[in-house]
Amino acid sequence: MKAPPCFEDSETKRTVKSICDENNIDVDLLKDLCEIVNEHSGSGRRFGLNEDIETVLDRFIARGAES
């Protein structure tokens, strides 16, 4: 998957990280979710979107359980 542009530009990346830190949001989780939405956008279909989001959330929860 390709990261959305906001995760490629260093200045924007710092801004996103700052916002995530202020709001107690995991940057990697946000990036993964944005990638999924970006991947499905423009396809004209929602098939698989919910399952892909659920997979990302399950991976995030599993990472937290390992820590």
Protein backbone atom coordinates (compact mmCIF):
# COMPACT_ATOMS: atom_id res chain seq x y z
CA MET A 1 0.00 0.00 0.00
CA LYS A 2 1.10 3.53 -0.69
CA ALA A 3 1.00 6.04 2.13
CA PRO A 4 -1.21 9.08 1.61
CA PRO A 5 0.69 12.30 0.78
CA CYS A 6 0.33 13.66 4.32
CA PHE A 7 2.67 10.91 5.48
CA GLU A 8 5.30 11.51 2.80
CA ASP A 9 6.11 15.22 3.21
CA SER A 10 8.33 15.75 6.26
CA GLU A 11 6.71 19.02 7.37
CA THR A 12 3.19 17.66 7.05
CA LYS A 13 4.27 14.45 8.72
CA ARG A 14 5.47 16.44 11.76
CA THR A 15 2.13 18.29 11.87
CA VAL A 16 0.18 15.02 11.73
CA LYS A 17 2.37 13.54 14.49
CA SER A 18 1.88 16.63 16.64
CA ILE A 19 -1.92 16.46 16.24
CA CYS A 20 -1.89 12.74 17.00
CA ASP A 21 0.24 13.27 20.09
CA GLU A 22 -2.06 16.03 21.36
CA ASN A 23 -5.09 13.78 20.90
CA ASN A 24 -3.52 10.50 22.04
CA ILE A 25 -3.89 8.88 18.60
CA ASP A 26 -1.45 6.27 17.36
CA VAL A 27 0.23 7.66 14.21
CA ASP A 28 0.80 4.20 12.73
CA LEU A 29 -2.85 3.28 13.19
CA LEU A 30 -3.95 6.52 11.54
CA LYS A 31 -1.53 5.92 8.66
CA ASP A 32 -2.77 2.35 8.17
CA LEU A 33 -6.41 3.47 8.18
CA CYS A 34 -5.69 6.31 5.74
CA GLU A 35 -3.92 3.87 3.42
CA ILE A 36 -6.97 1.59 3.42
CA VAL A 37 -9.38 4.44 2.70
CA ASN A 38 -7.04 5.81 0.03
CA GLU A 39 -6.79 2.38 -1.57
CA HIS A 40 -10.57 2.06 -1.78
CA SER A 41 -11.30 5.64 -2.85
CA GLY A 42 -12.31 6.09 -6.44
CA SER A 43 -13.01 2.41 -6.88
CA GLY A 44 -16.75 3.00 -6.75
CA ARG A 45 -17.13 0.04 -4.45
CA ARG A 46 -17.17 -0.43 -0.74
CA PHE A 47 -16.72 -4.19 -0.91
CA GLY A 48 -13.90 -5.18 1.39
CA LEU A 49 -13.46 -1.76 3.01
CA ASN A 50 -15.00 -2.73 6.34
CA GLU A 51 -13.05 -5.99 6.41
CA ASP A 52 -9.79 -4.19 5.64
CA ILE A 53 -10.45 -1.64 8.40
CA GLU A 54 -11.25 -4.45 10.82
CA THR A 55 -7.98 -6.18 9.90
CA VAL A 56 -6.00 -2.99 10.58
CA LEU A 57 -7.74 -2.52 13.93
CA ASP A 58 -7.14 -6.15 14.89
CA ARG A 59 -3.42 -5.77 14.08
CA PHE A 60 -3.28 -2.60 16.18
CA ILE A 61 -4.95 -4.31 19.13
CA ALA A 62 -2.61 -7.29 18.80
CA ARG A 63 0.43 -4.96 18.81
CA GLY A 64 -0.86 -3.38 22.01
CA ALA A 65 -1.36 -6.77 23.64
CA GLU A 66 2.25 -7.73 22.80
CA SER A 67 3.64 -4.63 24.50
